[in-house]
Amino acid sequence: MSIEIANESGVAVDDASIVAAARFALDRMGVSRLAELSIMLVDLDVMADLHERWMDLPGPTDVMAFPQDELDSVRRPDASEAGPALLGDIVLCPAFAKDQARKAGHSLLDELHLLTVHGCLHLLGYDHAEPAEEREMFSLQNRILADFRVARAEARRLAVQRTADDKVLGAVGLDEPKRPHN
């Protein structure tokens, strides 16, 4: 899966972690490994301009998703034959998300993960305009985020274990490959 990210927001964030959240969500949703996604992080002014231009709403927002309209048949997993696709663009505004993160009691990165998954679901055709749609989308979003957190914690645990194993192997001289005897 090709996921491009560009941070033009002026806020330093862990780009690789945001890409990992998007990849995890799209994998979980059964999106083709050949799919392409673009993520852009922007400042408040750019987001306000996009929000007003595309949604006709004043001021900035946290996330916007721009699906590729001509690929509607590969959106949701229940659609026929999901295949390679240019999914579209997700635009995040870290400056806007900072306040939301503080109010929610978690880090900016956690908020950006949430918004990334939210944007991915929008690209796949999910919406929250109606109460039933909102329940479905937010339930799915919460499950994906919970599974992502578990997977990240396990990856960190394995990395720590690998480092400890490498130290032990190095201490006993088993870290170098054996050379063949002639």
N, C-alpha and C. Protein backbone atom coordinates (compact mmCIF):
# COMPACT_ATOMS: atom_id res chain seq x y z
N MET A 1 0.86 -1.17 0.00
CA MET A 1 0.00 0.00 0.00
C MET A 1 0.90 1.23 0.00
N SER A 2 0.61 2.15 -0.86
CA SER A 2 1.40 3.37 -0.95
C SER A 2 0.68 4.49 -0.19
N ILE A 3 1.34 4.99 0.85
CA ILE A 3 0.78 6.09 1.62
C ILE A 3 1.82 7.19 1.67
N GLU A 4 1.49 8.31 1.07
CA GLU A 4 2.37 9.48 1.07
C GLU A 4 1.89 10.45 2.14
N ILE A 5 2.84 11.06 2.85
CA ILE A 5 2.47 12.04 3.87
C ILE A 5 3.32 13.28 3.68
N ALA A 6 2.70 14.44 3.81
CA ALA A 6 3.40 15.72 3.72
C ALA A 6 2.96 16.57 4.90
N ASN A 7 3.93 17.01 5.69
CA ASN A 7 3.61 17.83 6.84
C ASN A 7 3.97 19.28 6.53
N GLU A 8 2.95 20.07 6.26
CA GLU A 8 3.11 21.50 5.98
C GLU A 8 2.46 22.32 7.07
N SER A 9 2.26 21.70 8.24
CA SER A 9 1.51 22.34 9.32
C SER A 9 2.37 23.22 10.22
N GLY A 10 3.68 23.01 10.21
CA GLY A 10 4.53 23.72 11.14
C GLY A 10 4.57 23.09 12.52
N VAL A 11 3.86 21.98 12.70
CA VAL A 11 3.83 21.25 13.97
C VAL A 11 4.59 19.94 13.77
N ALA A 12 5.59 19.71 14.61
CA ALA A 12 6.36 18.48 14.52
C ALA A 12 5.53 17.31 15.06
N VAL A 13 5.34 16.30 14.22
CA VAL A 13 4.61 15.10 14.62
C VAL A 13 5.35 13.88 14.09
N ASP A 14 5.01 12.72 14.60
CA ASP A 14 5.60 11.46 14.16
C ASP A 14 4.87 10.99 12.90
N ASP A 15 5.38 11.43 11.74
CA ASP A 15 4.75 11.09 10.46
C ASP A 15 4.61 9.58 10.27
N ALA A 16 5.66 8.84 10.63
CA ALA A 16 5.64 7.38 10.43
C ALA A 16 4.51 6.74 11.22
N SER A 17 4.22 7.26 12.40
CA SER A 17 3.16 6.70 13.22
C SER A 17 1.78 6.98 12.62
N ILE A 18 1.63 8.15 12.01
CA ILE A 18 0.36 8.48 11.35
C ILE A 18 0.16 7.56 10.14
N VAL A 19 1.21 7.35 9.38
CA VAL A 19 1.14 6.43 8.24
C VAL A 19 0.81 5.02 8.74
N ALA A 20 1.41 4.62 9.86
CA ALA A 20 1.13 3.29 10.42
C ALA A 20 -0.34 3.15 10.80
N ALA A 21 -0.92 4.20 11.37
CA ALA A 21 -2.34 4.17 11.74
C ALA A 21 -3.21 4.02 10.50
N ALA A 22 -2.88 4.76 9.44
CA ALA A 22 -3.65 4.66 8.19
C ALA A 22 -3.52 3.26 7.59
N ARG A 23 -2.29 2.76 7.54
CA ARG A 23 -2.06 1.42 6.97
C ARG A 23 -2.82 0.36 7.77
N PHE A 24 -2.77 0.46 9.09
CA PHE A 24 -3.47 -0.49 9.95
C PHE A 24 -4.97 -0.46 9.67
N ALA A 25 -5.55 0.75 9.60
CA ALA A 25 -6.99 0.88 9.37
C ALA A 25 -7.38 0.31 8.01
N LEU A 26 -6.61 0.63 6.98
CA LEU A 26 -6.93 0.16 5.64
C LEU A 26 -6.75 -1.35 5.53
N ASP A 27 -5.71 -1.89 6.18
CA ASP A 27 -5.53 -3.34 6.22
C ASP A 27 -6.72 -4.00 6.92
N ARG A 28 -7.11 -3.44 8.05
CA ARG A 28 -8.23 -3.98 8.82
C ARG A 28 -9.52 -3.97 8.02
N MET A 29 -9.65 -2.99 7.11
CA MET A 29 -10.86 -2.87 6.30
C MET A 29 -10.77 -3.67 5.00
N GLY A 30 -9.67 -4.39 4.82
CA GLY A 30 -9.54 -5.23 3.64
C GLY A 30 -9.27 -4.49 2.35
N VAL A 31 -8.70 -3.30 2.45
CA VAL A 31 -8.38 -2.52 1.26
C VAL A 31 -7.16 -3.14 0.58
N SER A 32 -7.18 -3.16 -0.72
CA SER A 32 -6.11 -3.75 -1.52
C SER A 32 -4.75 -3.16 -1.16
N ARG A 33 -3.74 -4.02 -1.14
CA ARG A 33 -2.36 -3.59 -0.90
C ARG A 33 -1.86 -2.67 -2.02
N LEU A 34 -2.56 -2.63 -3.14
CA LEU A 34 -2.17 -1.79 -4.26
C LEU A 34 -2.78 -0.39 -4.18
N ALA A 35 -3.59 -0.15 -3.15
CA ALA A 35 -4.25 1.15 -3.01
C ALA A 35 -3.25 2.24 -2.68
N GLU A 36 -3.62 3.47 -3.03
CA GLU A 36 -2.79 4.64 -2.76
C GLU A 36 -3.59 5.65 -1.95
N LEU A 37 -2.89 6.29 -1.01
CA LEU A 37 -3.50 7.27 -0.12
C LEU A 37 -2.52 8.42 0.07
N SER A 38 -3.05 9.62 0.17
CA SER A 38 -2.24 10.79 0.46
C SER A 38 -2.75 11.43 1.74
N ILE A 39 -1.81 11.77 2.63
CA ILE A 39 -2.16 12.45 3.89
C ILE A 39 -1.38 13.76 3.92
N MET A 40 -2.09 14.84 4.19
CA MET A 40 -1.44 16.14 4.30
C MET A 40 -1.79 16.77 5.63
N LEU A 41 -0.78 17.29 6.31
CA LEU A 41 -0.99 18.03 7.54
C LEU A 41 -0.81 19.50 7.22
N VAL A 42 -1.80 20.31 7.60
CA VAL A 42 -1.80 21.72 7.22
C VAL A 42 -2.02 22.61 8.44
N ASP A 43 -1.78 23.92 8.26
CA ASP A 43 -1.99 24.86 9.35
C ASP A 43 -3.45 25.33 9.38
N LEU A 44 -3.79 26.13 10.36
CA LEU A 44 -5.17 26.57 10.56
C LEU A 44 -5.72 27.34 9.37
N ASP A 45 -4.91 28.21 8.78
CA ASP A 45 -5.39 29.03 7.65
C ASP A 45 -5.73 28.16 6.44
N VAL A 46 -4.86 27.22 6.12
CA VAL A 46 -5.12 26.35 4.97
C VAL A 46 -6.37 25.50 5.23
N MET A 47 -6.49 24.97 6.46
CA MET A 47 -7.66 24.15 6.77
C MET A 47 -8.94 24.98 6.73
N ALA A 48 -8.89 26.21 7.23
CA ALA A 48 -10.06 27.07 7.18
C ALA A 48 -10.48 27.33 5.73
N ASP A 49 -9.50 27.56 4.87
CA ASP A 49 -9.79 27.78 3.46
C ASP A 49 -10.44 26.55 2.83
N LEU A 50 -9.88 25.36 3.10
CA LEU A 50 -10.46 24.12 2.56
C LEU A 50 -11.87 23.88 3.10
N HIS A 51 -12.05 24.12 4.38
CA HIS A 51 -13.34 23.89 5.04
C HIS A 51 -14.41 24.80 4.45
N GLU A 52 -14.04 26.06 4.23
CA GLU A 52 -15.00 27.00 3.65
C GLU A 52 -15.26 26.68 2.18
N ARG A 53 -14.21 26.35 1.43
CA ARG A 53 -14.35 26.09 0.00
C ARG A 53 -15.15 24.82 -0.28
N TRP A 54 -14.89 23.73 0.46
CA TRP A 54 -15.49 22.45 0.13
C TRP A 54 -16.72 22.11 0.96
N MET A 55 -16.82 22.64 2.17
CA MET A 55 -17.95 22.31 3.03
C MET A 55 -18.88 23.50 3.25
N ASP A 56 -18.45 24.67 2.78
CA ASP A 56 -19.21 25.91 2.96
C ASP A 56 -19.46 26.20 4.44
N LEU A 57 -18.45 25.87 5.26
CA LEU A 57 -18.52 26.11 6.70
C LEU A 57 -17.36 27.01 7.11
N PRO A 58 -17.60 27.95 8.01
CA PRO A 58 -16.54 28.89 8.39
C PRO A 58 -15.52 28.27 9.33
N GLY A 59 -14.29 28.76 9.24
CA GLY A 59 -13.23 28.38 10.16
C GLY A 59 -12.62 27.02 9.87
N PRO A 60 -11.55 26.71 10.60
CA PRO A 60 -10.86 25.43 10.39
C PRO A 60 -11.62 24.28 11.04
N THR A 61 -11.18 23.07 10.72
CA THR A 61 -11.71 21.85 11.34
C THR A 61 -10.53 20.91 11.57
N ASP A 62 -10.78 19.74 12.12
CA ASP A 62 -9.70 18.82 12.47
C ASP A 62 -9.26 17.94 11.31
N VAL A 63 -10.22 17.40 10.54
CA VAL A 63 -9.89 16.46 9.46
C VAL A 63 -10.89 16.63 8.32
N MET A 64 -10.39 16.50 7.12
CA MET A 64 -11.24 16.45 5.94
C MET A 64 -10.75 15.30 5.07
N ALA A 65 -11.68 14.64 4.40
CA ALA A 65 -11.34 13.53 3.51
C ALA A 65 -11.90 13.82 2.13
N PHE A 66 -11.06 13.58 1.14
CA PHE A 66 -11.43 13.84 -0.24
C PHE A 66 -11.30 12.54 -1.04
N PRO A 67 -12.39 11.75 -1.12
CA PRO A 67 -12.32 10.49 -1.87
C PRO A 67 -12.26 10.76 -3.37
N GLN A 68 -11.74 9.79 -4.09
CA GLN A 68 -11.74 9.85 -5.55
C GLN A 68 -13.09 9.34 -6.02
N ASP A 69 -13.92 10.23 -6.51
CA ASP A 69 -15.31 9.91 -6.85
C ASP A 69 -15.45 8.81 -7.89
N GLU A 70 -14.54 8.72 -8.84
CA GLU A 70 -14.71 7.74 -9.91
C GLU A 70 -14.45 6.31 -9.46
N LEU A 71 -14.05 6.11 -8.21
CA LEU A 71 -13.74 4.76 -7.74
C LEU A 71 -14.73 4.28 -6.69
N ASP A 72 -15.98 4.69 -6.79
CA ASP A 72 -16.98 4.33 -5.78
C ASP A 72 -17.13 2.83 -5.59
N SER A 73 -16.87 2.03 -6.61
CA SER A 73 -17.09 0.59 -6.49
C SER A 73 -16.09 -0.10 -5.58
N VAL A 74 -15.00 0.57 -5.18
CA VAL A 74 -14.02 -0.08 -4.32
C VAL A 74 -13.99 0.55 -2.93
N ARG A 75 -15.04 1.16 -2.52
CA ARG A 75 -15.06 1.84 -1.23
C ARG A 75 -15.19 0.87 -0.06
N ARG A 76 -16.39 0.59 0.31
CA ARG A 76 -16.64 -0.20 1.51
C ARG A 76 -16.32 -1.66 1.27
N PRO A 77 -15.96 -2.39 2.34
CA PRO A 77 -15.64 -3.80 2.19
C PRO A 77 -16.82 -4.63 1.67
N ASP A 78 -18.04 -4.15 1.87
CA ASP A 78 -19.19 -4.90 1.38
C ASP A 78 -19.52 -4.57 -0.07
N ALA A 79 -18.72 -3.67 -0.69
CA ALA A 79 -18.87 -3.38 -2.11
C ALA A 79 -18.25 -4.52 -2.90
N SER A 80 -18.66 -4.64 -4.16
CA SER A 80 -18.14 -5.75 -4.97
C SER A 80 -16.68 -5.52 -5.34
N GLU A 81 -15.90 -6.57 -5.27
CA GLU A 81 -14.51 -6.64 -5.72
C GLU A 81 -13.65 -5.42 -5.42
N ALA A 82 -13.24 -5.27 -4.16
CA ALA A 82 -12.29 -4.22 -3.81
C ALA A 82 -10.96 -4.54 -4.47
N GLY A 83 -10.37 -3.57 -5.13
CA GLY A 83 -9.11 -3.79 -5.83
C GLY A 83 -8.22 -2.57 -5.70
N PRO A 84 -7.22 -2.48 -6.53
CA PRO A 84 -6.33 -1.34 -6.47
C PRO A 84 -7.10 -0.05 -6.72
N ALA A 85 -6.75 0.98 -6.00
CA ALA A 85 -7.49 2.23 -6.14
C ALA A 85 -6.66 3.39 -5.62
N LEU A 86 -6.94 4.55 -6.16
CA LEU A 86 -6.45 5.79 -5.59
C LEU A 86 -7.56 6.22 -4.63
N LEU A 87 -7.36 5.96 -3.35
CA LEU A 87 -8.42 6.19 -2.37
C LEU A 87 -8.78 7.66 -2.25
N GLY A 88 -7.78 8.52 -2.23
CA GLY A 88 -8.02 9.94 -2.09
C GLY A 88 -7.05 10.56 -1.12
N ASP A 89 -7.47 11.69 -0.53
CA ASP A 89 -6.62 12.49 0.34
C ASP A 89 -7.28 12.69 1.69
N ILE A 90 -6.45 12.63 2.73
CA ILE A 90 -6.87 13.00 4.08
C ILE A 90 -6.07 14.24 4.45
N VAL A 91 -6.76 15.26 4.94
CA VAL A 91 -6.10 16.49 5.37
C VAL A 91 -6.35 16.64 6.87
N LEU A 92 -5.24 16.74 7.62
CA LEU A 92 -5.30 16.88 9.08
C LEU A 92 -4.78 18.26 9.48
N CYS A 93 -5.31 18.79 10.57
CA CYS A 93 -4.85 20.07 11.09
C CYS A 93 -4.41 19.89 12.54
N PRO A 94 -3.10 19.64 12.75
CA PRO A 94 -2.61 19.40 14.11
C PRO A 94 -2.88 20.57 15.07
N ALA A 95 -2.82 21.80 14.60
CA ALA A 95 -3.06 22.95 15.48
C ALA A 95 -4.50 22.91 16.01
N PHE A 96 -5.44 22.52 15.20
CA PHE A 96 -6.83 22.40 15.62
C PHE A 96 -6.99 21.19 16.54
N ALA A 97 -6.31 20.10 16.20
CA ALA A 97 -6.43 18.85 16.96
C ALA A 97 -5.82 18.93 18.36
N LYS A 98 -4.86 19.85 18.56
CA LYS A 98 -4.21 19.97 19.88
C LYS A 98 -5.22 20.21 20.99
N ASP A 99 -6.15 21.14 20.76
CA ASP A 99 -7.15 21.46 21.77
C ASP A 99 -8.08 20.28 22.01
N GLN A 100 -8.46 19.59 20.95
CA GLN A 100 -9.31 18.40 21.09
C GLN A 100 -8.60 17.33 21.91
N ALA A 101 -7.30 17.16 21.66
CA ALA A 101 -6.52 16.16 22.39
C ALA A 101 -6.50 16.49 23.88
N ARG A 102 -6.26 17.76 24.18
CA ARG A 102 -6.22 18.19 25.58
C ARG A 102 -7.56 17.93 26.26
N LYS A 103 -8.65 18.30 25.59
CA LYS A 103 -9.99 18.09 26.16
C LYS A 103 -10.30 16.61 26.34
N ALA A 104 -9.81 15.78 25.44
CA ALA A 104 -10.06 14.32 25.52
C ALA A 104 -9.12 13.64 26.51
N GLY A 105 -8.08 14.36 26.95
CA GLY A 105 -7.15 13.79 27.93
C GLY A 105 -6.14 12.84 27.34
N HIS A 106 -5.79 13.03 26.06
CA HIS A 106 -4.75 12.20 25.47
C HIS A 106 -3.80 13.07 24.65
N SER A 107 -2.78 12.44 24.09
CA SER A 107 -1.74 13.17 23.38
C SER A 107 -2.22 13.62 22.00
N LEU A 108 -1.48 14.59 21.45
CA LEU A 108 -1.77 15.04 20.09
C LEU A 108 -1.63 13.88 19.11
N LEU A 109 -0.61 13.04 19.30
CA LEU A 109 -0.43 11.92 18.39
C LEU A 109 -1.62 10.96 18.45
N ASP A 110 -2.14 10.70 19.65
CA ASP A 110 -3.33 9.85 19.77
C ASP A 110 -4.52 10.47 19.02
N GLU A 111 -4.66 11.78 19.13
CA GLU A 111 -5.74 12.47 18.42
C GLU A 111 -5.55 12.38 16.91
N LEU A 112 -4.30 12.52 16.46
CA LEU A 112 -4.03 12.42 15.02
C LEU A 112 -4.26 10.99 14.51
N HIS A 113 -3.98 9.99 15.34
CA HIS A 113 -4.31 8.61 14.96
C HIS A 113 -5.82 8.47 14.79
N LEU A 114 -6.57 8.99 15.74
CA LEU A 114 -8.03 8.92 15.68
C LEU A 114 -8.52 9.61 14.40
N LEU A 115 -8.02 10.79 14.12
CA LEU A 115 -8.46 11.55 12.95
C LEU A 115 -8.05 10.85 11.65
N THR A 116 -6.90 10.20 11.66
CA THR A 116 -6.45 9.47 10.48
C THR A 116 -7.38 8.29 10.19
N VAL A 117 -7.71 7.53 11.22
CA VAL A 117 -8.65 6.41 11.05
C VAL A 117 -10.01 6.94 10.60
N HIS A 118 -10.44 8.03 11.20
CA HIS A 118 -11.71 8.66 10.83
C HIS A 118 -11.70 9.03 9.35
N GLY A 119 -10.61 9.65 8.91
CA GLY A 119 -10.49 10.04 7.51
C GLY A 119 -10.48 8.83 6.58
N CYS A 120 -9.79 7.76 6.98
CA CYS A 120 -9.77 6.53 6.17
C CYS A 120 -11.18 5.98 6.00
N LEU A 121 -11.95 5.96 7.08
CA LEU A 121 -13.32 5.45 7.00
C LEU A 121 -14.17 6.31 6.08
N HIS A 122 -13.99 7.62 6.12
CA HIS A 122 -14.71 8.49 5.18
C HIS A 122 -14.35 8.15 3.74
N LEU A 123 -13.06 7.92 3.48
CA LEU A 123 -12.64 7.58 2.13
C LEU A 123 -13.26 6.27 1.66
N LEU A 124 -13.58 5.39 2.60
CA LEU A 124 -14.17 4.10 2.28
C LEU A 124 -15.70 4.15 2.22
N GLY A 125 -16.26 5.36 2.36
CA GLY A 125 -17.69 5.53 2.19
C GLY A 125 -18.50 5.61 3.47
N TYR A 126 -17.86 5.55 4.61
CA TYR A 126 -18.58 5.67 5.88
C TYR A 126 -18.86 7.14 6.16
N ASP A 127 -19.98 7.39 6.86
CA ASP A 127 -20.36 8.76 7.19
C ASP A 127 -21.04 8.75 8.55
N HIS A 128 -21.30 9.93 9.08
CA HIS A 128 -21.94 10.02 10.38
C HIS A 128 -23.01 11.11 10.41
N ALA A 129 -23.65 11.32 9.26
CA ALA A 129 -24.69 12.34 9.17
C ALA A 129 -25.97 11.90 9.89
N GLU A 130 -26.26 10.62 9.85
CA GLU A 130 -27.47 10.09 10.50
C GLU A 130 -27.05 9.29 11.74
N PRO A 131 -27.92 9.22 12.76
CA PRO A 131 -27.56 8.50 14.00
C PRO A 131 -27.10 7.06 13.78
N ALA A 132 -27.75 6.31 12.92
CA ALA A 132 -27.34 4.92 12.68
C ALA A 132 -25.98 4.86 12.01
N GLU A 133 -25.74 5.76 11.07
CA GLU A 133 -24.43 5.83 10.41
C GLU A 133 -23.34 6.20 11.42
N GLU A 134 -23.66 7.14 12.28
CA GLU A 134 -22.70 7.58 13.30
C GLU A 134 -22.34 6.44 14.23
N ARG A 135 -23.33 5.68 14.69
CA ARG A 135 -23.06 4.53 15.57
C ARG A 135 -22.15 3.53 14.86
N GLU A 136 -22.46 3.21 13.61
CA GLU A 136 -21.67 2.24 12.86
C GLU A 136 -20.23 2.73 12.68
N MET A 137 -20.09 3.99 12.23
CA MET A 137 -18.76 4.51 11.93
C MET A 137 -17.91 4.65 13.18
N PHE A 138 -18.47 5.22 14.24
CA PHE A 138 -17.69 5.45 15.44
C PHE A 138 -17.38 4.15 16.18
N SER A 139 -18.27 3.19 16.11
CA SER A 139 -17.99 1.88 16.69
C SER A 139 -16.82 1.22 15.97
N LEU A 140 -16.85 1.25 14.66
CA LEU A 140 -15.77 0.69 13.85
C LEU A 140 -14.46 1.45 14.11
N GLN A 141 -14.54 2.76 14.14
CA GLN A 141 -13.36 3.60 14.42
C GLN A 141 -12.75 3.24 15.77
N ASN A 142 -13.57 3.08 16.79
CA ASN A 142 -13.07 2.77 18.13
C ASN A 142 -12.43 1.39 18.18
N ARG A 143 -13.01 0.41 17.48
CA ARG A 143 -12.42 -0.94 17.44
C ARG A 143 -11.07 -0.92 16.74
N ILE A 144 -10.99 -0.23 15.62
CA ILE A 144 -9.73 -0.14 14.88
C ILE A 144 -8.66 0.53 15.73
N LEU A 145 -9.01 1.63 16.39
CA LEU A 145 -8.04 2.33 17.24
C LEU A 145 -7.59 1.48 18.41
N ALA A 146 -8.50 0.77 19.04
CA ALA A 146 -8.13 -0.10 20.16
C ALA A 146 -7.18 -1.19 19.68
N ASP A 147 -7.47 -1.80 18.54
CA ASP A 147 -6.60 -2.84 18.00
C ASP A 147 -5.24 -2.26 17.59
N PHE A 148 -5.24 -1.06 17.07
CA PHE A 148 -3.99 -0.39 16.69
C PHE A 148 -3.11 -0.15 17.92
N ARG A 149 -3.73 0.30 19.00
CA ARG A 149 -2.97 0.53 20.24
C ARG A 149 -2.36 -0.76 20.76
N VAL A 150 -3.12 -1.84 20.72
CA VAL A 150 -2.62 -3.14 21.16
C VAL A 150 -1.46 -3.58 20.27
N ALA A 151 -1.61 -3.43 18.96
CA ALA A 151 -0.56 -3.83 18.02
C ALA A 151 0.71 -2.99 18.23
N ARG A 152 0.56 -1.70 18.47
CA ARG A 152 1.72 -0.84 18.72
C ARG A 152 2.43 -1.22 20.02
N ALA A 153 1.65 -1.50 21.06
CA ALA A 153 2.25 -1.90 22.33
C ALA A 153 3.02 -3.21 22.18
N GLU A 154 2.46 -4.16 21.43
CA GLU A 154 3.13 -5.44 21.20
C GLU A 154 4.40 -5.25 20.38
N ALA A 155 4.36 -4.38 19.39
CA ALA A 155 5.55 -4.10 18.58
C ALA A 155 6.65 -3.48 19.44
N ARG A 156 6.27 -2.57 20.33
CA ARG A 156 7.27 -1.97 21.24
C ARG A 156 7.86 -3.03 22.17
N ARG A 157 6.99 -3.91 22.70
CA ARG A 157 7.46 -4.97 23.59
C ARG A 157 8.44 -5.88 22.87
N LEU A 158 8.12 -6.25 21.64
CA LEU A 158 9.01 -7.12 20.86
C LEU A 158 10.33 -6.42 20.54
N ALA A 159 10.30 -5.12 20.27
CA ALA A 159 11.53 -4.39 19.98
C ALA A 159 12.44 -4.35 21.21
N VAL A 160 11.86 -4.15 22.38
CA VAL A 160 12.63 -4.15 23.62
C VAL A 160 13.23 -5.54 23.84
N GLN A 161 12.43 -6.57 23.63
CA GLN A 161 12.92 -7.94 23.80
C GLN A 161 14.05 -8.25 22.82
N ARG A 162 13.91 -7.82 21.56
CA ARG A 162 14.95 -8.03 20.55
C ARG A 162 16.26 -7.35 20.96
N THR A 163 16.16 -6.14 21.48
CA THR A 163 17.35 -5.41 21.93
C THR A 163 18.02 -6.16 23.07
N ALA A 164 17.22 -6.63 24.03
CA ALA A 164 17.77 -7.38 25.16
C ALA A 164 18.41 -8.68 24.67
N ASP A 165 17.76 -9.35 23.75
CA ASP A 165 18.31 -10.60 23.19
C ASP A 165 19.64 -10.33 22.48
N ASP A 166 19.69 -9.26 21.70
CA ASP A 166 20.92 -8.92 20.98
C ASP A 166 22.07 -8.64 21.95
N LYS A 167 21.77 -7.99 23.08
CA LYS A 167 22.82 -7.72 24.08
C LYS A 167 23.36 -9.01 24.67
N VAL A 168 22.45 -9.93 24.99
CA VAL A 168 22.87 -11.22 25.56
C VAL A 168 23.70 -11.99 24.54
N LEU A 169 23.22 -12.05 23.31
CA LEU A 169 23.96 -12.78 22.27
C LEU A 169 25.34 -12.15 22.03
N GLY A 170 25.41 -10.84 22.08
CA GLY A 170 26.69 -10.15 21.92
C GLY A 170 27.63 -10.44 23.07
N ALA A 171 27.09 -10.52 24.29
CA ALA A 171 27.92 -10.77 25.46
C ALA A 171 28.56 -12.16 25.44
N VAL A 172 27.88 -13.11 24.82
CA VAL A 172 28.43 -14.47 24.77
C VAL A 172 29.07 -14.78 23.43
N GLY A 173 29.18 -13.77 22.58
CA GLY A 173 29.87 -13.94 21.30
C GLY A 173 29.08 -14.64 20.21
N LEU A 174 27.78 -14.64 20.33
CA LEU A 174 26.95 -15.31 19.33
C LEU A 174 26.32 -14.35 18.32
N ASP A 175 26.75 -13.09 18.37
CA ASP A 175 26.15 -12.12 17.46
C ASP A 175 26.82 -12.06 16.11
N GLU A 176 27.98 -12.67 15.96
CA GLU A 176 28.69 -12.66 14.69
C GLU A 176 28.38 -13.94 13.93
N PRO A 177 28.21 -13.83 12.62
CA PRO A 177 27.94 -15.06 11.85
C PRO A 177 29.16 -15.98 11.88
N LYS A 178 28.89 -17.26 11.91
CA LYS A 178 29.96 -18.26 11.90
C LYS A 178 30.59 -18.31 10.51
N ARG A 179 31.91 -18.46 10.49
CA ARG A 179 32.63 -18.57 9.23
C ARG A 179 32.84 -20.03 8.91
N PRO A 180 32.69 -20.39 7.65
CA PRO A 180 32.92 -21.80 7.31
C PRO A 180 34.38 -22.18 7.43
N HIS A 181 34.61 -23.38 7.94
CA HIS A 181 35.98 -23.90 8.07
C HIS A 181 36.39 -24.58 6.77
N ASN A 182 37.64 -24.39 6.37
CA ASN A 182 38.15 -25.04 5.14
C ASN A 182 38.76 -26.36 5.46
